[in-house]
Amino acid sequence: MGDVVEMTSELGFKYSILASGSTGNSFYLETPEKKILVDAGLSGKKITSLLAEIDRDPSDLDAILVTHEHKDHIHGVGVLARKYGMDIYANEKTWQIMDSKNMLGKVDNSQKHIFSRGKLLTFGDIDIESFGVSHDAINPQFYRFMKDGKSFVMLTDTGYVSDRMAGLIENADGYLIESNHDIEILRAGSYPWSTKQRILSDQGHLCNEDGADAMIRTIGNKTKKIYLGHLSKENNIKELAYMTMENQLARADFGVGTDFKIFVTSPDTATPLTDI
């Protein structure tokens, strides 16, 4: 009698959006071999608390991937790296500005790694593809995670989504897409005009309508979950962001609620740990 082949459920990966918003961003992903964060834009204490919400501990993390050097994405990176000895990945220009301005504090050189924009990194049992975005940082990049035919795309902090970018990220199983602001709320709000111009520019943030347009151009028959991210507390309303995405996708004849579901993320509460 031949050996019994034990079937496992270790396909794909698990993820949680720990926090997403103008006050801080962090994304958690795990495979059987690796546990990683993308960005740690809150205090080390808050990141630890958010991980505890999904029964995870920062001491088990292998690495932090950095998208860009803005504080709401790197605030806790240095603290966590020093305390737990994990590796940090960023592209060369991002490292240069973080080091020159001492944004992370002292981090041992052995923990610093280059992950160039537009490259594919095989990290243990998962493949990670980086791609450039249009944002007012030195060299911002976001990521597509791929394992066992499954993929998840993170795309926030960009002023627009080009056709090339849309092609790179099409037909993922899940998306974290920016729905930063409602244009009318932003225009009528209290921000200085220079800040409003920055947000509305091609190097700013996606409004609700532009986030929905990006999804219309990228989702495919594999897509099951869309998370609306980086919502502004001052310039958006979560129900409005959801309604805009739902309505635009429905008008484009996508099966909202049947083929896939839409979720709104929080700046201070983790989404449930989810299998993809």
Protein backbone atom coordinates (compact mmCIF):
# COMPACT_ATOMS: atom_id res chain seq x y z
CA MET A 1 0.00 0.00 0.00
CA GLY A 2 1.44 3.38 -1.03
CA ASP A 3 2.13 6.30 1.27
CA VAL A 4 -0.86 8.39 2.21
CA VAL A 5 -0.48 11.93 0.88
CA GLU A 6 -1.68 14.34 3.53
CA MET A 7 -3.73 17.17 2.08
CA THR A 8 -2.92 20.57 3.56
CA SER A 9 -4.72 23.89 3.40
CA GLU A 10 -1.49 25.86 3.17
CA LEU A 11 -2.26 27.31 -0.24
CA GLY A 12 -2.43 31.04 -0.79
CA PHE A 13 -1.77 33.32 2.18
CA LYS A 14 -3.46 35.29 4.95
CA TYR A 15 -3.64 39.07 5.32
CA SER A 16 -5.05 41.84 7.47
CA ILE A 17 -5.18 45.58 6.83
CA LEU A 18 -4.06 46.68 10.27
CA ALA A 19 -4.63 50.38 9.61
CA SER A 20 -5.32 52.53 6.58
CA GLY A 21 -5.78 56.29 6.59
CA SER A 22 -4.09 59.65 6.68
CA THR A 23 -3.06 59.07 10.32
CA GLY A 24 -1.16 55.83 9.69
CA ASN A 25 -0.93 52.76 7.47
CA SER A 26 0.13 49.16 7.96
CA PHE A 27 -0.65 45.88 6.20
CA TYR A 28 0.09 42.38 7.53
CA LEU A 29 0.62 39.26 5.44
CA GLU A 30 1.62 35.73 6.36
CA THR A 31 2.45 32.48 4.59
CA PRO A 32 3.53 29.17 6.14
CA GLU A 33 7.12 30.45 5.90
CA LYS A 34 7.00 34.24 6.30
CA LYS A 35 5.27 36.99 8.25
CA ILE A 36 5.67 40.54 6.95
CA LEU A 37 4.39 44.08 7.34
CA VAL A 38 4.05 46.58 4.56
CA ASP A 39 4.66 49.95 6.21
CA ALA A 40 4.36 50.72 9.91
CA GLY A 41 3.00 54.24 9.97
CA LEU A 42 1.85 54.23 13.58
CA SER A 43 3.73 53.92 16.86
CA GLY A 44 5.33 50.60 17.71
CA LYS A 45 2.88 50.28 20.59
CA LYS A 46 -0.14 50.81 18.32
CA ILE A 47 1.18 48.34 15.70
CA THR A 48 1.63 45.77 18.49
CA SER A 49 -1.95 46.42 19.63
CA LEU A 50 -3.31 46.05 16.09
CA LEU A 51 -1.42 42.77 15.61
CA ALA A 52 -2.90 41.54 18.90
CA GLU A 53 -6.38 42.12 17.40
CA ILE A 54 -5.60 39.30 14.93
CA ASP A 55 -3.69 37.19 17.52
CA ARG A 56 -0.28 37.92 16.11
CA ASP A 57 2.92 39.19 17.74
CA PRO A 58 5.58 41.54 16.30
CA SER A 59 8.35 39.23 17.56
CA ASP A 60 7.32 36.75 14.83
CA LEU A 61 7.73 39.25 11.96
CA ASP A 62 10.42 38.57 9.40
CA ALA A 63 10.44 41.88 7.55
CA ILE A 64 8.88 45.27 6.88
CA LEU A 65 8.46 46.47 3.29
CA VAL A 66 8.42 50.26 2.94
CA THR A 67 6.35 51.92 0.20
CA HIS A 68 7.67 55.46 0.66
CA GLU A 69 9.13 57.79 3.27
CA HIS A 70 6.05 59.72 4.43
CA LYS A 71 5.51 59.58 8.19
CA ASP A 72 2.10 57.89 7.97
CA HIS A 73 3.90 54.93 6.42
CA ILE A 74 7.19 54.71 8.37
CA HIS A 75 6.55 56.18 11.85
CA GLY A 76 7.03 52.87 13.69
CA VAL A 77 9.47 51.13 11.32
CA GLY A 78 12.67 52.01 13.17
CA VAL A 79 11.26 51.21 16.61
CA LEU A 80 10.02 47.78 15.53
CA ALA A 81 13.23 46.97 13.67
CA ARG A 82 15.38 47.83 16.67
CA LYS A 83 13.22 45.95 19.16
CA TYR A 84 12.65 42.78 17.14
CA GLY A 85 15.62 42.70 14.75
CA MET A 86 13.57 42.32 11.59
CA ASP A 87 14.76 43.17 8.07
CA ILE A 88 13.60 46.32 6.26
CA TYR A 89 13.15 46.49 2.48
CA ALA A 90 12.92 49.72 0.48
CA ASN A 91 14.26 50.97 -2.83
CA GLU A 92 17.59 52.78 -3.01
CA LYS A 93 16.27 56.34 -3.29
CA THR A 94 13.86 55.80 -0.39
CA TRP A 95 16.72 54.47 1.73
CA GLN A 96 18.84 57.49 0.80
CA ILE A 97 16.25 60.01 1.99
CA MET A 98 15.32 58.01 5.10
CA ASP A 99 18.99 57.75 6.07
CA SER A 100 19.96 61.33 5.19
CA LYS A 101 17.11 62.73 7.31
CA ASN A 102 17.46 60.10 10.04
CA MET A 103 13.79 59.20 9.66
CA LEU A 104 14.08 55.74 11.21
CA GLY A 105 16.69 56.41 13.86
CA LYS A 106 19.61 54.01 14.16
CA VAL A 107 19.08 50.76 12.25
CA ASP A 108 21.84 48.20 11.83
CA ASN A 109 23.14 47.96 8.25
CA SER A 110 22.57 44.20 8.27
CA GLN A 111 18.83 44.87 8.52
CA LYS A 112 18.72 47.18 5.48
CA HIS A 113 17.85 45.66 2.12
CA ILE A 114 17.20 47.07 -1.35
CA PHE A 115 13.95 46.18 -3.12
CA SER A 116 14.08 48.10 -6.38
CA ARG A 117 11.04 49.60 -8.04
CA GLY A 118 9.69 47.47 -10.88
CA LYS A 119 11.32 44.26 -9.63
CA LEU A 120 10.15 40.85 -8.45
CA LEU A 121 11.36 39.58 -5.07
CA THR A 122 10.93 35.96 -4.04
CA PHE A 123 10.65 36.08 -0.26
CA GLY A 124 10.51 32.57 1.13
CA ASP A 125 7.40 30.99 -0.37
CA ILE A 126 5.82 34.17 -1.80
CA ASP A 127 6.59 36.35 -4.81
CA ILE A 128 6.32 40.11 -4.39
CA GLU A 129 6.24 42.49 -7.35
CA SER A 130 6.91 46.20 -6.83
CA PHE A 131 5.50 48.89 -9.10
CA GLY A 132 5.82 52.65 -9.19
CA VAL A 133 3.05 55.11 -8.35
CA SER A 134 2.61 58.87 -8.85
CA HIS A 135 2.99 60.52 -5.44
CA ASP A 136 5.01 63.38 -3.99
CA ALA A 137 7.63 61.13 -2.40
CA ILE A 138 11.16 60.46 -3.63
CA ASN A 139 10.46 57.09 -5.36
CA PRO A 140 7.18 55.58 -4.13
CA GLN A 141 6.28 51.98 -4.89
CA PHE A 142 3.51 49.56 -3.96
CA TYR A 143 3.20 45.80 -4.17
CA ARG A 144 1.47 42.79 -5.65
CA PHE A 145 1.75 39.59 -3.59
CA MET A 146 1.52 36.26 -5.44
CA LYS A 147 1.41 32.66 -4.20
CA ASP A 148 -0.21 29.48 -5.51
CA GLY A 149 -2.07 31.32 -8.25
CA LYS A 150 -3.54 33.83 -5.78
CA SER A 151 -2.66 37.52 -5.59
CA PHE A 152 -3.37 40.65 -3.57
CA VAL A 153 -2.59 44.22 -4.70
CA MET A 154 -1.94 47.25 -2.52
CA LEU A 155 -2.43 50.58 -4.28
CA THR A 156 -2.80 53.80 -2.30
CA ASP A 157 -0.93 57.12 -2.31
CA THR A 158 -1.10 57.85 -6.00
CA GLY A 159 -2.52 60.83 -7.88
CA TYR A 160 -3.70 58.73 -10.81
CA VAL A 161 -3.63 55.18 -12.17
CA SER A 162 -2.08 54.97 -15.63
CA ASP A 163 -3.11 52.30 -18.14
CA ARG A 164 0.31 50.70 -17.66
CA MET A 165 -0.19 50.51 -13.90
CA ALA A 166 -3.69 49.12 -14.37
CA GLY A 167 -2.26 46.42 -16.63
CA LEU A 168 0.32 45.42 -14.02
CA ILE A 169 -2.26 44.89 -11.29
CA GLU A 170 -5.21 43.44 -13.22
CA ASN A 171 -7.33 40.49 -12.11
CA ALA A 172 -6.03 40.09 -8.55
CA ASP A 173 -8.06 38.13 -6.00
CA GLY A 174 -8.08 41.11 -3.65
CA TYR A 175 -7.31 44.84 -3.74
CA LEU A 176 -6.58 47.58 -1.26
CA ILE A 177 -7.40 50.64 -3.37
CA GLU A 178 -7.24 54.28 -2.38
CA SER A 179 -10.48 56.19 -1.81
CA ASN A 180 -8.88 59.15 -0.11
CA HIS A 181 -11.33 62.02 -0.52
CA ASP A 182 -14.55 63.34 -1.94
CA ILE A 183 -13.64 66.27 -4.18
CA GLU A 184 -16.48 68.53 -3.04
CA ILE A 185 -15.83 67.91 0.66
CA LEU A 186 -12.13 68.60 0.12
CA ARG A 187 -12.77 71.82 -1.83
CA ALA A 188 -15.17 73.12 0.84
CA GLY A 189 -13.00 72.05 3.77
CA SER A 190 -10.60 73.91 6.00
CA TYR A 191 -7.31 72.75 4.46
CA PRO A 192 -5.05 75.49 3.05
CA TRP A 193 -5.42 75.88 -0.71
CA SER A 194 -1.83 74.67 -1.23
CA THR A 195 -2.65 71.40 0.58
CA LYS A 196 -5.84 70.97 -1.42
CA GLN A 197 -3.87 71.48 -4.64
CA ARG A 198 -1.34 68.85 -3.55
CA ILE A 199 -4.04 66.28 -2.76
CA LEU A 200 -5.88 66.93 -6.04
CA SER A 201 -2.71 66.84 -8.17
CA ASP A 202 -1.31 63.98 -10.23
CA GLN A 203 1.11 63.38 -7.35
CA GLY A 204 -1.52 63.45 -4.63
CA HIS A 205 -4.26 60.97 -3.75
CA LEU A 206 -7.11 59.22 -5.55
CA CYS A 207 -10.59 60.59 -4.94
CA ASN A 208 -13.52 58.19 -4.55
CA GLU A 209 -14.43 58.39 -8.26
CA ASP A 210 -10.86 57.82 -9.44
CA GLY A 211 -10.46 54.82 -7.14
CA ALA A 212 -13.63 53.34 -8.61
CA ASP A 213 -12.43 54.05 -12.16
CA ALA A 214 -9.16 52.27 -11.38
CA MET A 215 -11.09 49.21 -10.20
CA ILE A 216 -13.26 49.20 -13.33
CA ARG A 217 -10.07 48.94 -15.37
CA THR A 218 -8.38 46.24 -13.28
CA ILE A 219 -10.77 43.78 -11.64
CA GLY A 220 -11.34 40.44 -13.31
CA ASN A 221 -13.15 37.16 -12.80
CA LYS A 222 -10.76 36.18 -9.98
CA THR A 223 -11.50 39.31 -7.94
CA LYS A 224 -13.41 38.58 -4.73
CA LYS A 225 -12.62 41.44 -2.31
CA ILE A 226 -12.05 45.19 -2.70
CA TYR A 227 -10.94 47.20 0.34
CA LEU A 228 -11.25 50.99 0.25
CA GLY A 229 -8.17 52.50 1.84
CA HIS A 230 -6.47 55.69 2.99
CA LEU A 231 -9.78 57.45 3.64
CA SER A 232 -9.30 60.99 4.92
CA LYS A 233 -11.05 61.71 8.23
CA GLU A 234 -11.52 65.36 7.20
CA ASN A 235 -12.30 65.02 3.50
CA ASN A 236 -14.35 61.86 3.15
CA ILE A 237 -17.23 59.89 4.65
CA LYS A 238 -16.91 56.10 4.64
CA GLU A 239 -20.53 55.59 3.52
CA LEU A 240 -19.95 57.99 0.62
CA ALA A 241 -16.72 56.21 -0.40
CA TYR A 242 -18.51 52.86 -0.34
CA MET A 243 -21.53 54.16 -2.26
CA THR A 244 -19.34 55.75 -4.95
CA MET A 245 -17.41 52.51 -5.51
CA GLU A 246 -20.58 50.40 -5.47
CA ASN A 247 -22.50 52.66 -7.85
CA GLN A 248 -19.71 53.09 -10.40
CA LEU A 249 -18.97 49.37 -10.52
CA ALA A 250 -22.67 48.52 -10.81
CA ARG A 251 -23.07 51.03 -13.65
CA ALA A 252 -20.18 49.27 -15.40
CA ASP A 253 -22.10 45.97 -15.08
CA PHE A 254 -19.91 44.37 -12.44
CA GLY A 255 -21.54 41.95 -10.00
CA VAL A 256 -21.16 43.91 -6.78
CA GLY A 257 -22.14 41.75 -3.81
CA THR A 258 -22.32 38.58 -5.90
CA ASP A 259 -19.00 38.22 -7.73
CA PHE A 260 -17.08 40.24 -5.14
CA LYS A 261 -17.58 42.30 -1.98
CA ILE A 262 -16.51 45.83 -1.03
CA PHE A 263 -15.14 46.69 2.42
CA VAL A 264 -14.15 49.98 4.04
CA THR A 265 -10.94 49.97 6.11
CA SER A 266 -10.28 51.80 9.36
CA PRO A 267 -7.39 53.99 10.55
CA ASP A 268 -7.35 52.30 13.96
CA THR A 269 -8.97 48.85 13.77
CA ALA A 270 -7.55 45.81 11.95
CA THR A 271 -9.62 43.90 9.40
CA PRO A 272 -10.07 40.20 10.28
CA LEU A 273 -7.21 37.90 9.29
CA THR A 274 -8.43 36.59 5.93
CA ASP A 275 -7.41 33.72 3.64
CA ILE A 276 -6.97 34.49 -0.01
